[in-house]
Amino acid sequence: MKAFFEGIQSLFVDFLFKPLDGLRHLELITWFGANTINWIFMIICAGAIVYWIKQLRIFDAAGTEKQDTTAHSFFK
């Protein structure tokens, strides 16, 4: 059983966490380079939020949004 858990440890430490080790070493060289992935995700999320708000405005202007104060009929 010990070999099984050592195999799991080897899988994660030697293979799956290698990209994160690379990012850790890259941070010592350039902070912006190490955080490029974070900046890309933030740009994608900001674009998604802008698109979502634009769609909300379109549906609000068209009047197709159901704005009932109760979520279900049995709450009345």
Protein backbone atom coordinates (compact mmCIF):
# COMPACT_ATOMS: atom_id res chain seq x y z
CA MET A 1 0.00 0.00 0.00
CA LYS A 2 2.94 2.31 0.64
CA ALA A 3 4.06 1.93 -2.98
CA PHE A 4 0.59 2.97 -4.18
CA PHE A 5 0.72 6.26 -2.30
CA GLU A 6 4.32 6.86 -3.34
CA GLY A 7 3.19 6.34 -6.93
CA ILE A 8 0.50 8.99 -6.49
CA GLN A 9 3.09 11.31 -4.96
CA SER A 10 5.44 10.70 -7.87
CA LEU A 11 2.68 11.38 -10.39
CA PHE A 12 1.82 14.75 -8.91
CA VAL A 13 5.29 15.95 -7.87
CA ASP A 14 7.25 14.72 -10.88
CA PHE A 15 4.71 15.28 -13.67
CA LEU A 16 1.54 17.23 -12.94
CA PHE A 17 3.09 20.06 -10.90
CA LYS A 18 6.01 20.70 -13.29
CA PRO A 19 4.23 23.62 -15.03
CA LEU A 20 3.63 25.25 -11.65
CA ASP A 21 7.30 24.82 -10.75
CA GLY A 22 8.15 26.57 -14.01
CA LEU A 23 5.87 29.47 -13.12
CA ARG A 24 7.48 29.70 -9.68
CA HIS A 25 10.95 29.97 -11.23
CA LEU A 26 9.68 32.42 -13.87
CA GLU A 27 8.37 34.72 -11.13
CA LEU A 28 11.93 35.32 -9.96
CA ILE A 29 12.79 36.57 -13.44
CA THR A 30 9.68 38.54 -14.36
CA TRP A 31 6.49 39.02 -12.39
CA PHE A 32 4.45 39.90 -15.48
CA GLY A 33 5.55 36.77 -17.29
CA ALA A 34 4.53 34.54 -14.40
CA ASN A 35 1.10 36.18 -14.16
CA THR A 36 0.29 36.18 -17.87
CA ILE A 37 -2.23 33.37 -17.41
CA ASN A 38 -4.01 35.36 -14.70
CA TRP A 39 -4.18 38.45 -16.92
CA ILE A 40 -5.62 36.39 -19.79
CA PHE A 41 -8.33 34.95 -17.52
CA MET A 42 -9.17 38.41 -16.17
CA ILE A 43 -9.54 39.79 -19.71
CA ILE A 44 -11.80 36.87 -20.68
CA CYS A 45 -13.95 37.37 -17.56
CA ALA A 46 -14.19 41.13 -18.13
CA GLY A 47 -15.31 40.52 -21.72
CA ALA A 48 -17.91 38.00 -20.55
CA ILE A 49 -19.27 40.45 -17.97
CA VAL A 50 -19.54 43.23 -20.56
CA TYR A 51 -21.36 40.88 -22.97
CA TRP A 52 -23.69 39.72 -20.20
CA ILE A 53 -24.59 43.28 -19.17
CA LYS A 54 -25.22 44.23 -22.81
CA GLN A 55 -27.58 41.25 -23.19
CA LEU A 56 -29.38 42.21 -19.97
CA ARG A 57 -29.92 45.72 -21.32
CA ILE A 58 -31.25 44.34 -24.62
CA PHE A 59 -33.81 42.13 -22.86
CA ASP A 60 -34.72 44.91 -20.44
CA ALA A 61 -35.33 47.37 -23.28
CA ALA A 62 -37.43 44.84 -25.19
CA GLY A 63 -39.60 44.18 -22.14
CA THR A 64 -39.30 40.39 -22.43
CA GLU A 65 -37.92 40.02 -18.94
CA LYS A 66 -40.41 38.56 -16.48
CA GLN A 67 -40.04 40.69 -13.37
CA ASP A 68 -42.35 39.01 -10.91
CA THR A 69 -41.53 39.58 -7.25
CA THR A 70 -42.20 35.96 -6.32
CA ALA A 71 -40.03 33.16 -7.58
CA HIS A 72 -42.77 30.51 -7.52
CA SER A 73 -46.53 30.54 -7.60
CA PHE A 74 -46.79 28.77 -4.23
CA PHE A 75 -45.13 31.77 -2.49
CA LYS A 76 -48.20 33.96 -3.17
